C-alpha cells in the first residue's frame, strides 16, 4: 500500500472505532479472529480488501460478545459499505473462520 492508502486505512479504522464505540475486548477478539483468518485468506488485489477483512472481524466479535450488538445498518453508516455489503462481509468472514467464534483468555 502506498502512504496515502495507509493513511486512508487509518482514517477508516479511526472512524469505525469512534462511531461504533466497540469495547476493548471486542477489538482484542477481532485481533484473535484476524490471526485465525491469516492462514486462510488469500488476498488478491481487490478494492477495499483490508477494510473488508477488518470490518468482518469487528462485526463478528461485537455480535459474539454482545448478543444485542451493533446492527449491520450502523456498520454501514460509518463505513463505505452498504447494508448488503456488510451482510456479505459478515457471511464471508464467518466462512473463513469456519463458524468458530469461540475464544479463550489464552487467545487474547
PDB file of N, CA and C in Angstrom:
ATOM      1  N   UNK A   1       0.828  -1.195   0.000  1.00  0.00           N
ATOM      2  CA  UNK A   1       0.000   0.000   0.000  1.00  0.00           C
ATOM      3  C   UNK A   1       0.866   1.250   0.000  1.00  0.00           C
ATOM      4  N   UNK A   2       0.406   2.233  -0.700  1.00  0.00           N
ATOM      5  CA  UNK A   2       1.115   3.498  -0.715  1.00  0.00           C
ATOM      6  C   UNK A   2       0.868   4.237   0.599  1.00  0.00           C
ATOM      7  N   UNK A   3       1.615   5.293   0.812  1.00  0.00           N
ATOM      8  CA  UNK A   3       1.447   6.064   2.044  1.00  0.00           C
ATOM      9  C   UNK A   3       0.044   6.654   2.121  1.00  0.00           C
ATOM     10  N   UNK A   4      -0.498   7.120   1.022  1.00  0.00           N
ATOM     11  CA  UNK A   4      -1.845   7.695   1.048  1.00  0.00           C
ATOM     12  C   UNK A   4      -2.901   6.619   1.321  1.00  0.00           C
ATOM     13  N   UNK A   5      -2.679   5.407   0.805  1.00  0.00           N
ATOM     14  CA  UNK A   5      -3.610   4.307   1.083  1.00  0.00           C
ATOM     15  C   UNK A   5      -3.554   3.909   2.551  1.00  0.00           C
ATOM     16  N   UNK A   6      -2.353   3.895   3.130  1.00  0.00           N
ATOM     17  CA  UNK A   6      -2.216   3.586   4.560  1.00  0.00           C
ATOM     18  C   UNK A   6      -2.916   4.642   5.399  1.00  0.00           C
ATOM     19  N   UNK A   7      -2.788   5.890   4.993  1.00  0.00           N
ATOM     20  CA  UNK A   7      -3.452   6.982   5.705  1.00  0.00           C
ATOM     21  C   UNK A   7      -4.974   6.808   5.626  1.00  0.00           C
ATOM     22  N   UNK A   8      -5.483   6.466   4.448  1.00  0.00           N
ATOM     23  CA  UNK A   8      -6.929   6.258   4.287  1.00  0.00           C
ATOM     24  C   UNK A   8      -7.405   5.086   5.150  1.00  0.00           C
ATOM     25  N   UNK A   9      -6.581   4.031   5.239  1.00  0.00           N
ATOM     26  CA  UNK A   9      -6.934   2.884   6.071  1.00  0.00           C
ATOM     27  C   UNK A   9      -6.981   3.288   7.540  1.00  0.00           C
ATOM     28  N   UNK A  10      -6.020   4.090   7.974  1.00  0.00           N
ATOM     29  CA  UNK A  10      -6.014   4.589   9.357  1.00  0.00           C
ATOM     30  C   UNK A  10      -7.254   5.428   9.648  1.00  0.00           C
ATOM     31  N   UNK A  11      -7.632   6.264   8.705  1.00  0.00           N
ATOM     32  CA  UNK A  11      -8.836   7.082   8.862  1.00  0.00           C
ATOM     33  C   UNK A  11     -10.067   6.182   8.939  1.00  0.00           C
ATOM     34  N   UNK A  12     -10.100   5.136   8.110  1.00  0.00           N
ATOM     35  CA  UNK A  12     -11.209   4.181   8.125  1.00  0.00           C
ATOM     36  C   UNK A  12     -11.329   3.527   9.503  1.00  0.00           C
ATOM     37  N   UNK A  13     -10.209   3.033  10.017  1.00  0.00           N
ATOM     38  CA  UNK A  13     -10.210   2.372  11.327  1.00  0.00           C
ATOM     39  C   UNK A  13     -10.673   3.342  12.414  1.00  0.00           C
ATOM     40  N   UNK A  14     -10.126   4.529  12.419  1.00  0.00           N
ATOM     41  CA  UNK A  14     -10.486   5.523  13.430  1.00  0.00           C
ATOM     42  C   UNK A  14     -11.979   5.843  13.368  1.00  0.00           C
ATOM     43  N   UNK A  15     -12.494   6.021  12.175  1.00  0.00           N
ATOM     44  CA  UNK A  15     -13.922   6.344  12.012  1.00  0.00           C
ATOM     45  C   UNK A  15     -14.810   5.210  12.532  1.00  0.00           C
ATOM     46  N   UNK A  16     -14.478   3.989  12.177  1.00  0.00           N
ATOM     47  CA  UNK A  16     -15.277   2.842  12.617  1.00  0.00           C
ATOM     48  C   UNK A  16     -15.254   2.723  14.141  1.00  0.00           C
ATOM     49  N   UNK A  17     -14.067   2.814  14.727  1.00  0.00           N
ATOM     50  CA  UNK A  17     -13.951   2.663  16.175  1.00  0.00           C
ATOM     51  C   UNK A  17     -14.651   3.797  16.924  1.00  0.00           C
ATOM     52  N   UNK A  18     -14.548   5.005  16.412  1.00  0.00           N
ATOM     53  CA  UNK A  18     -15.208   6.135  17.071  1.00  0.00           C
ATOM     54  C   UNK A  18     -16.728   6.049  16.972  1.00  0.00           C
ATOM     55  N   UNK A  19     -17.233   5.688  15.805  1.00  0.00           N
ATOM     56  CA  UNK A  19     -18.680   5.669  15.608  1.00  0.00           C
ATOM     57  C   UNK A  19     -19.370   4.470  16.262  1.00  0.00           C
ATOM     58  N   UNK A  20     -18.696   3.344  16.283  1.00  0.00           N
ATOM     59  CA  UNK A  20     -19.329   2.152  16.858  1.00  0.00           C
ATOM     60  C   UNK A  20     -19.080   2.030  18.351  1.00  0.00           C
ATOM     61  N   UNK A  21     -18.002   2.659  18.826  1.00  0.00           N
ATOM     62  CA  UNK A  21     -17.641   2.600  20.242  1.00  0.00           C
ATOM     63  C   UNK A  21     -17.507   1.155  20.738  1.00  0.00           C
ATOM     64  N   UNK A  22     -16.911   0.311  19.896  1.00  0.00           N
ATOM     65  CA  UNK A  22     -16.694  -1.068  20.315  1.00  0.00           C
ATOM     66  C   UNK A  22     -15.760  -1.073  21.516  1.00  0.00           C
ATOM     67  N   UNK A  23     -15.956  -2.056  22.374  1.00  0.00           N
ATOM     68  CA  UNK A  23     -15.149  -2.144  23.592  1.00  0.00           C
ATOM     69  C   UNK A  23     -13.764  -2.722  23.282  1.00  0.00           C
ATOM     70  N   UNK A  24     -12.860  -2.572  24.218  1.00  0.00           N
ATOM     71  CA  UNK A  24     -11.505  -3.094  24.050  1.00  0.00           C
ATOM     72  C   UNK A  24     -11.533  -4.611  23.878  1.00  0.00           C
ATOM     73  N   UNK A  25     -12.387  -5.305  24.602  1.00  0.00           N
ATOM     74  CA  UNK A  25     -12.455  -6.768  24.461  1.00  0.00           C
ATOM     75  C   UNK A  25     -12.908  -7.142  23.054  1.00  0.00           C
ATOM     76  N   UNK A  26     -13.811  -6.368  22.478  1.00  0.00           N
ATOM     77  CA  UNK A  26     -14.251  -6.649  21.107  1.00  0.00           C
ATOM     78  C   UNK A  26     -13.099  -6.452  20.128  1.00  0.00           C
ATOM     79  N   UNK A  27     -12.295  -5.443  20.359  1.00  0.00           N
ATOM     80  CA  UNK A  27     -11.136  -5.207  19.497  1.00  0.00           C
ATOM     81  C   UNK A  27     -10.134  -6.347  19.646  1.00  0.00           C
ATOM     82  N   UNK A  28      -9.892  -6.783  20.866  1.00  0.00           N
ATOM     83  CA  UNK A  28      -8.943  -7.875  21.095  1.00  0.00           C
ATOM     84  C   UNK A  28      -9.432  -9.177  20.462  1.00  0.00           C
ATOM     85  N   UNK A  29     -10.722  -9.448  20.583  1.00  0.00           N
ATOM     86  CA  UNK A  29     -11.274 -10.663  19.965  1.00  0.00           C
ATOM     87  C   UNK A  29     -11.204 -10.546  18.442  1.00  0.00           C
ATOM     88  N   UNK A  30     -11.435  -9.356  17.910  1.00  0.00           N
ATOM     89  CA  UNK A  30     -11.298  -9.157  16.469  1.00  0.00           C
ATOM     90  C   UNK A  30      -9.868  -9.482  16.026  1.00  0.00           C
ATOM     91  N   UNK A  31      -8.886  -9.115  16.832  1.00  0.00           N
ATOM     92  CA  UNK A  31      -7.480  -9.429  16.515  1.00  0.00           C
ATOM     93  C   UNK A  31      -7.265 -10.944  16.527  1.00  0.00           C
ATOM     94  N   UNK A  32      -7.884 -11.636  17.485  1.00  0.00           N
ATOM     95  CA  UNK A  32      -7.814 -13.110  17.519  1.00  0.00           C
ATOM     96  C   UNK A  32      -8.379 -13.675  16.215  1.00  0.00           C
ATOM     97  N   UNK A  33      -9.531 -13.160  15.792  1.00  0.00           N
ATOM     98  CA  UNK A  33     -10.146 -13.629  14.544  1.00  0.00           C
ATOM     99  C   UNK A  33      -9.244 -13.335  13.340  1.00  0.00           C
ATOM    100  N   UNK A  34      -8.619 -12.172  13.334  1.00  0.00           N
ATOM    101  CA  UNK A  34      -7.712 -11.832  12.233  1.00  0.00           C
ATOM    102  C   UNK A  34      -6.527 -12.787  12.190  1.00  0.00           C
ATOM    103  N   UNK A  35      -6.008 -13.149  13.364  1.00  0.00           N
ATOM    104  CA  UNK A  35      -4.889 -14.099  13.405  1.00  0.00           C
ATOM    105  C   UNK A  35      -5.310 -15.458  12.862  1.00  0.00           C
ATOM    106  N   UNK A  36      -6.510 -15.895  13.218  1.00  0.00           N
ATOM    107  CA  UNK A  36      -7.006 -17.177  12.707  1.00  0.00           C
ATOM    108  C   UNK A  36      -7.199 -17.125  11.197  1.00  0.00           C
ATOM    109  N   UNK A  37      -7.691 -16.013  10.726  1.00  0.00           N
ATOM    110  CA  UNK A  37      -8.009 -15.876   9.303  1.00  0.00           C
ATOM    111  C   UNK A  37      -6.773 -15.732   8.440  1.00  0.00           C
ATOM    112  N   UNK A  38      -5.678 -15.299   9.037  1.00  0.00           N
ATOM    113  CA  UNK A  38      -4.450 -15.004   8.288  1.00  0.00           C
ATOM    114  C   UNK A  38      -3.997 -16.174   7.421  1.00  0.00           C
ATOM    115  N   UNK A  39      -4.124 -17.380   7.936  1.00  0.00           N
ATOM    116  CA  UNK A  39      -3.653 -18.540   7.185  1.00  0.00           C
ATOM    117  C   UNK A  39      -4.652 -18.998   6.120  1.00  0.00           C
ATOM    118  N   UNK A  40      -5.876 -18.505   6.197  1.00  0.00           N
ATOM    119  CA  UNK A  40      -6.928 -18.943   5.277  1.00  0.00           C
ATOM    120  C   UNK A  40      -7.150 -17.949   4.144  1.00  0.00           C
ATOM    121  N   UNK A  41      -7.089 -16.683   4.462  1.00  0.00           N
ATOM    122  CA  UNK A  41      -7.393 -15.650   3.478  1.00  0.00           C
ATOM    123  C   UNK A  41      -6.253 -15.517   2.484  1.00  0.00           C
ATOM    124  N   UNK A  42      -6.627 -15.540   1.234  1.00  0.00           N
ATOM    125  CA  UNK A  42      -5.666 -15.298   0.173  1.00  0.00           C
ATOM    126  C   UNK A  42      -6.088 -13.992  -0.494  1.00  0.00           C
ATOM    127  N   UNK A  43      -5.315 -12.973  -0.240  1.00  0.00           N
ATOM    128  CA  UNK A  43      -5.676 -11.649  -0.731  1.00  0.00           C
ATOM    129  C   UNK A  43      -5.197 -11.478  -2.161  1.00  0.00           C
ATOM    130  N   UNK A  44      -6.135 -11.143  -2.988  1.00  0.00           N
ATOM    131  CA  UNK A  44      -5.836 -10.774  -4.352  1.00  0.00           C
ATOM    132  C   UNK A  44      -6.130  -9.282  -4.440  1.00  0.00           C
ATOM    133  N   UNK A  45      -5.522  -8.623  -5.366  1.00  0.00           N
ATOM    134  CA  UNK A  45      -5.751  -7.193  -5.476  1.00  0.00           C
ATOM    135  C   UNK A  45      -7.241  -6.951  -5.655  1.00  0.00           C
ATOM    136  N   UNK A  46      -7.805  -6.290  -4.685  1.00  0.00           N
ATOM    137  CA  UNK A  46      -9.240  -6.020  -4.700  1.00  0.00           C
ATOM    138  C   UNK A  46      -9.458  -4.729  -3.923  1.00  0.00           C
ATOM    139  N   UNK A  47     -10.333  -3.927  -4.425  1.00  0.00           N
ATOM    140  CA  UNK A  47     -10.619  -2.651  -3.790  1.00  0.00           C
ATOM    141  C   UNK A  47     -11.178  -2.855  -2.394  1.00  0.00           C
ATOM    142  N   UNK A  48     -10.616  -2.157  -1.417  1.00  0.00           N
ATOM    143  CA  UNK A  48     -11.088  -2.138  -0.039  1.00  0.00           C
ATOM    144  C   UNK A  48     -10.946  -3.499   0.659  1.00  0.00           C
ATOM    145  N   UNK A  49     -10.030  -4.351   0.247  1.00  0.00           N
ATOM    146  CA  UNK A  49      -9.940  -5.694   0.828  1.00  0.00           C
ATOM    147  C   UNK A  49      -9.546  -5.657   2.303  1.00  0.00           C
ATOM    148  N   UNK A  50      -8.574  -4.827   2.671  1.00  0.00           N
ATOM    149  CA  UNK A  50      -8.163  -4.780   4.075  1.00  0.00           C
ATOM    150  C   UNK A  50      -9.291  -4.254   4.955  1.00  0.00           C
ATOM    151  N   UNK A  51     -10.029  -3.280   4.441  1.00  0.00           N
ATOM    152  CA  UNK A  51     -11.157  -2.742   5.195  1.00  0.00           C
ATOM    153  C   UNK A  51     -12.232  -3.809   5.395  1.00  0.00           C
ATOM    154  N   UNK A  52     -12.467  -4.602   4.378  1.00  0.00           N
ATOM    155  CA  UNK A  52     -13.464  -5.676   4.482  1.00  0.00           C
ATOM    156  C   UNK A  52     -13.049  -6.715   5.533  1.00  0.00           C
ATOM    157  N   UNK A  53     -11.782  -7.081   5.521  1.00  0.00           N
ATOM    158  CA  UNK A  53     -11.292  -8.088   6.464  1.00  0.00           C
ATOM    159  C   UNK A  53     -11.390  -7.565   7.898  1.00  0.00           C
ATOM    160  N   UNK A  54     -10.925  -6.359   8.118  1.00  0.00           N
ATOM    161  CA  UNK A  54     -11.008  -5.766   9.461  1.00  0.00           C
ATOM    162  C   UNK A  54     -12.460  -5.641   9.907  1.00  0.00           C
ATOM    163  N   UNK A  55     -13.308  -5.152   9.018  1.00  0.00           N
ATOM    164  CA  UNK A  55     -14.716  -4.977   9.365  1.00  0.00           C
ATOM    165  C   UNK A  55     -15.365  -6.320   9.700  1.00  0.00           C
ATOM    166  N   UNK A  56     -15.057  -7.350   8.927  1.00  0.00           N
ATOM    167  CA  UNK A  56     -15.606  -8.677   9.218  1.00  0.00           C
ATOM    168  C   UNK A  56     -15.237  -9.147  10.612  1.00  0.00           C
ATOM    169  N   UNK A  57     -13.990  -8.953  10.998  1.00  0.00           N
ATOM    170  CA  UNK A  57     -13.542  -9.365  12.329  1.00  0.00           C
ATOM    171  C   UNK A  57     -14.247  -8.556  13.416  1.00  0.00           C
ATOM    172  N   UNK A  58     -14.377  -7.260  13.219  1.00  0.00           N
ATOM    173  CA  UNK A  58     -15.043  -6.422  14.222  1.00  0.00           C
ATOM    174  C   UNK A  58     -16.532  -6.743  14.341  1.00  0.00           C
ATOM    175  N   UNK A  59     -17.190  -6.952  13.216  1.00  0.00           N
ATOM    176  CA  UNK A  59     -18.622  -7.285  13.246  1.00  0.00           C
ATOM    177  C   UNK A  59     -18.845  -8.564  14.033  1.00  0.00           C
ATOM    178  N   UNK A  60     -18.078  -9.591  13.714  1.00  0.00           N
ATOM    179  CA  UNK A  60     -18.279 -10.882  14.381  1.00  0.00           C
ATOM    180  C   UNK A  60     -17.929 -10.818  15.856  1.00  0.00           C
ATOM    181  N   UNK A  61     -16.864 -10.108  16.196  1.00  0.00           N
ATOM    182  CA  UNK A  61     -16.516 -10.027  17.622  1.00  0.00           C
ATOM    183  C   UNK A  61     -17.591  -9.268  18.385  1.00  0.00           C
ATOM    184  N   UNK A  62     -18.115  -8.204  17.812  1.00  0.00           N
ATOM    185  CA  UNK A  62     -19.145  -7.437  18.529  1.00  0.00           C
ATOM    186  C   UNK A  62     -20.421  -8.245  18.688  1.00  0.00           C
ATOM    187  N   UNK A  63     -20.784  -9.008  17.665  1.00  0.00           N
ATOM    188  CA  UNK A  63     -22.016  -9.806  17.753  1.00  0.00           C
ATOM    189  C   UNK A  63     -21.843 -11.019  18.659  1.00  0.00           C
ATOM    190  N   UNK A  64     -20.637 -11.586  18.706  1.00  0.00           N
ATOM    191  CA  UNK A  64     -20.414 -12.748  19.562  1.00  0.00           C
ATOM    192  C   UNK A  64     -20.373 -12.342  21.034  1.00  0.00           C
ATOM    193  N   UNK A  65     -19.766 -11.213  21.311  1.00  0.00           N
ATOM    194  CA  UNK A  65     -19.620 -10.770  22.696  1.00  0.00           C
ATOM    195  C   UNK A  65     -20.909 -10.147  23.225  1.00  0.00           C
ATOM    196  N   UNK A  66     -21.577  -9.391  22.395  1.00  0.00           N
ATOM    197  CA  UNK A  66     -22.798  -8.706  22.810  1.00  0.00           C
ATOM    198  C   UNK A  66     -23.936  -9.164  21.904  1.00  0.00           C
ATOM    199  N   UNK A  67     -24.784 -10.015  22.419  1.00  0.00           N
ATOM    200  CA  UNK A  67     -25.865 -10.603  21.611  1.00  0.00           C
ATOM    201  C   UNK A  67     -26.783  -9.534  21.019  1.00  0.00           C
ATOM    202  N   UNK A  68     -26.795  -8.353  21.611  1.00  0.00           N
ATOM    203  CA  UNK A  68     -27.579  -7.240  21.082  1.00  0.00           C
ATOM    204  C   UNK A  68     -26.638  -6.217  20.470  1.00  0.00           C
ATOM    205  N   UNK A  69     -25.598  -6.726  19.838  1.00  0.00           N
ATOM    206  CA  UNK A  69     -24.517  -5.883  19.332  1.00  0.00           C
ATOM    207  C   UNK A  69     -24.944  -4.914  18.248  1.00  0.00           C
ATOM    208  N   UNK A  70     -23.970  -4.365  17.641  1.00  0.00           N
ATOM    209  CA  UNK A  70     -24.169  -3.337  16.626  1.00  0.00           C
ATOM    210  C   UNK A  70     -24.806  -3.963  15.384  1.00  0.00           C
ATOM    211  N   UNK A  71     -25.875  -3.361  14.926  1.00  0.00           N
ATOM    212  CA  UNK A  71     -26.591  -3.898  13.762  1.00  0.00           C
ATOM    213  C   UNK A  71     -25.875  -3.484  12.481  1.00  0.00           C
ATOM    214  N   UNK A  72     -26.125  -4.235  11.426  1.00  0.00           N
ATOM    215  CA  UNK A  72     -25.447  -4.001  10.154  1.00  0.00           C
ATOM    216  C   UNK A  72     -25.676  -2.591   9.627  1.00  0.00           C
ATOM    217  N   UNK A  73     -26.846  -2.044   9.876  1.00  0.00           N
ATOM    218  CA  UNK A  73     -27.143  -0.683   9.423  1.00  0.00           C
ATOM    219  C   UNK A  73     -26.157   0.315  10.044  1.00  0.00           C
ATOM    220  N   UNK A  74     -25.844   0.135  11.310  1.00  0.00           N
ATOM    221  CA  UNK A  74     -24.887   1.033  11.978  1.00  0.00           C
ATOM    222  C   UNK A  74     -23.494   0.889  11.387  1.00  0.00           C
ATOM    223  N   UNK A  75     -23.090  -0.345  11.084  1.00  0.00           N
ATOM    224  CA  UNK A  75     -21.783  -0.559  10.461  1.00  0.00           C
ATOM    225  C   UNK A  75     -21.740   0.137   9.109  1.00  0.00           C
ATOM    226  N   UNK A  76     -22.830   0.056   8.363  1.00  0.00           N
ATOM    227  CA  UNK A  76     -22.823   0.669   7.032  1.00  0.00           C
ATOM    228  C   UNK A  76     -22.801   2.193   7.117  1.00  0.00           C
ATOM    229  N   UNK A  77     -23.366   2.747   8.160  1.00  0.00           N
ATOM    230  CA  UNK A  77     -23.405   4.206   8.295  1.00  0.00           C
ATOM    231  C   UNK A  77     -22.028   4.809   8.574  1.00  0.00           C
ATOM    232  N   UNK A  78     -21.135   4.031   9.156  1.00  0.00           N
ATOM    233  CA  UNK A  78     -19.812   4.588   9.476  1.00  0.00           C
ATOM    234  C   UNK A  78     -18.719   4.057   8.556  1.00  0.00           C
ATOM    235  N   UNK A  79     -19.119   3.372   7.495  1.00  0.00           N
ATOM    236  CA  UNK A  79     -18.139   2.860   6.533  1.00  0.00           C
ATOM    237  C   UNK A  79     -18.573   3.229   5.122  1.00  0.00           C
ATOM    238  N   UNK A  80     -17.815   2.765   4.174  1.00  0.00           N
ATOM    239  CA  UNK A  80     -18.137   2.996   2.773  1.00  0.00           C
ATOM    240  C   UNK A  80     -19.050   1.909   2.214  1.00  0.00           C
ATOM    241  N   UNK A  81     -19.417   0.955   3.052  1.00  0.00           N
ATOM    242  CA  UNK A  81     -20.185  -0.201   2.604  1.00  0.00           C
ATOM    243  C   UNK A  81     -21.673  -0.024   2.903  1.00  0.00           C
ATOM    244  N   UNK A  82     -22.519  -0.527   1.997  1.00  0.00           N
ATOM    245  CA  UNK A  82     -23.958  -0.502   2.265  1.00  0.00           C
ATOM    246  C   UNK A  82     -24.339  -1.730   3.089  1.00  0.00           C
ATOM    247  N   UNK A  83     -25.592  -1.808   3.493  1.00  0.00           N
ATOM    248  CA  UNK A  83     -26.038  -2.907   4.370  1.00  0.00           C
ATOM    249  C   UNK A  83     -25.823  -4.277   3.733  1.00  0.00           C
ATOM    250  N   UNK A  84     -26.072  -4.382   2.446  1.00  0.00           N
ATOM    251  CA  UNK A  84     -25.881  -5.663   1.763  1.00  0.00           C
ATOM    252  C   UNK A  84     -24.408  -6.066   1.779  1.00  0.00           C
ATOM    253  N   UNK A  85     -23.530  -5.098   1.551  1.00  0.00           N
ATOM    254  CA  UNK A  85     -22.089  -5.368   1.619  1.00  0.00           C
ATOM    255  C   UNK A  85     -21.701  -5.845   3.016  1.00  0.00           C
ATOM    256  N   UNK A  86     -22.212  -5.168   4.033  1.00  0.00           N
ATOM    257  CA  UNK A  86     -21.894  -5.526   5.418  1.00  0.00           C
ATOM    258  C   UNK A  86     -22.349  -6.953   5.706  1.00  0.00           C
ATOM    259  N   UNK A  87     -23.545  -7.302   5.264  1.00  0.00           N
ATOM    260  CA  UNK A  87     -24.042  -8.670   5.447  1.00  0.00           C
ATOM    261  C   UNK A  87     -23.108  -9.662   4.747  1.00  0.00           C
ATOM    262  N   UNK A  88     -22.709  -9.353   3.506  1.00  0.00           N
ATOM    263  CA  UNK A  88     -21.812 -10.245   2.759  1.00  0.00           C
ATOM    264  C   UNK A  88     -20.455 -10.381   3.446  1.00  0.00           C
ATOM    265  N   UNK A  89     -19.922  -9.266   3.938  1.00  0.00           N
ATOM    266  CA  UNK A  89     -18.639  -9.285   4.645  1.00  0.00           C
ATOM    267  C   UNK A  89     -18.725 -10.180   5.869  1.00  0.00           C
ATOM    268  N   UNK A  90     -19.814 -10.050   6.621  1.00  0.00           N
ATOM    269  CA  UNK A  90     -20.029 -10.876   7.814  1.00  0.00           C
ATOM    270  C   UNK A  90     -20.103 -12.352   7.429  1.00  0.00           C
ATOM    271  N   UNK A  91     -20.878 -12.680   6.423  1.00  0.00           N
ATOM    272  CA  UNK A  91     -21.044 -14.072   5.995  1.00  0.00           C
ATOM    273  C   UNK A  91     -19.722 -14.654   5.491  1.00  0.00           C
ATOM    274  N   UNK A  92     -18.977 -13.873   4.722  1.00  0.00           N
ATOM    275  CA  UNK A  92     -17.704 -14.349   4.198  1.00  0.00           C
ATOM    276  C   UNK A  92     -16.704 -14.596   5.320  1.00  0.00           C
ATOM    277  N   UNK A  93     -16.679 -13.703   6.311  1.00  0.00           N
ATOM    278  CA  UNK A  93     -15.728 -13.879   7.410  1.00  0.00           C
ATOM    279  C   UNK A  93     -16.120 -15.057   8.291  1.00  0.00           C
ATOM    280  N   UNK A  94     -17.412 -15.297   8.449  1.00  0.00           N
ATOM    281  CA  UNK A  94     -17.859 -16.493   9.171  1.00  0.00           C
ATOM    282  C   UNK A  94     -17.351 -17.752   8.478  1.00  0.00           C
ATOM    283  N   UNK A  95     -17.411 -17.761   7.169  1.00  0.00           N
ATOM    284  CA  UNK A  95     -16.926 -18.903   6.396  1.00  0.00           C
ATOM    285  C   UNK A  95     -15.417 -19.070   6.570  1.00  0.00           C
ATOM    286  N   UNK A  96     -14.687 -17.962   6.518  1.00  0.00           N
ATOM    287  CA  UNK A  96     -13.231 -18.011   6.699  1.00  0.00           C
ATOM    288  C   UNK A  96     -12.888 -18.618   8.060  1.00  0.00           C
ATOM    289  N   UNK A  97     -13.658 -18.252   9.083  1.00  0.00           N
ATOM    290  CA  UNK A  97     -13.401 -18.766  10.432  1.00  0.00           C
ATOM    291  C   UNK A  97     -14.051 -20.132  10.678  1.00  0.00           C
ATOM    292  N   UNK A  98     -14.677 -20.669   9.639  1.00  0.00           N
ATOM    293  CA  UNK A  98     -15.353 -21.957   9.754  1.00  0.00           C
ATOM    294  C   UNK A  98     -16.384 -21.935  10.887  1.00  0.00           C
ATOM    295  N   UNK A  99     -17.022 -20.794  11.055  1.00  0.00           N
ATOM    296  CA  UNK A  99     -18.068 -20.563  12.057  1.00  0.00           C
ATOM    297  C   UNK A  99     -17.573 -20.750  13.493  1.00  0.00           C
ATOM    298  N   UNK A 100     -16.288 -20.756  13.703  1.00  0.00           N
ATOM    299  CA  UNK A 100     -15.721 -20.928  15.043  1.00  0.00           C
ATOM    300  C   UNK A 100     -15.395 -19.560  15.638  1.00  0.00           C
ATOM    301  N   UNK A 101     -16.296 -19.056  16.478  1.00  0.00           N
ATOM    302  CA  UNK A 101     -16.100 -17.744  17.082  1.00  0.00           C
ATOM    303  C   UNK A 101     -15.665 -17.835  18.538  1.00  0.00           C
ATOM    304  N   UNK A 102     -15.537 -19.050  19.053  1.00  0.00           N
ATOM    305  CA  UNK A 102     -15.132 -19.198  20.448  1.00  0.00           C
ATOM    306  C   UNK A 102     -13.691 -18.753  20.631  1.00  0.00           C
ATOM    307  N   UNK A 103     -13.403 -18.280  21.833  1.00  0.00           N
ATOM    308  CA  UNK A 103     -12.042 -17.865  22.170  1.00  0.00           C
ATOM    309  C   UNK A 103     -11.843 -18.090  23.662  1.00  0.00           C
ATOM    310  N   UNK A 104     -10.596 -18.139  24.074  1.00  0.00           N
ATOM    311  CA  UNK A 104     -10.268 -18.277  25.498  1.00  0.00           C
ATOM    312  C   UNK A 104      -9.416 -17.089  25.910  1.00  0.00           C
ATOM    313  N   UNK A 105      -9.176 -16.995  27.213  1.00  0.00           N
ATOM    314  CA  UNK A 105      -8.277 -15.944  27.693  1.00  0.00           C
ATOM    315  C   UNK A 105      -6.895 -16.081  27.102  1.00  0.00           C
ATOM    316  N   UNK A 106      -6.473 -17.310  26.891  1.00  0.00           N
ATOM    317  CA  UNK A 106      -5.146 -17.541  26.300  1.00  0.00           C
ATOM    318  C   UNK A 106      -5.053 -16.998  24.881  1.00  0.00           C
ATOM    319  N   UNK A 107      -6.170 -17.027  24.146  1.00  0.00           N
ATOM    320  CA  UNK A 107      -6.184 -16.476  22.800  1.00  0.00           C
ATOM    321  C   UNK A 107      -5.914 -14.979  22.809  1.00  0.00           C
ATOM    322  N   UNK A 108      -6.430 -14.326  23.830  1.00  0.00           N
ATOM    323  CA  UNK A 108      -6.310 -12.876  23.926  1.00  0.00           C
ATOM    324  C   UNK A 108      -4.969 -12.518  24.512  1.00  0.00           C
TER     325      UNK A 108
END
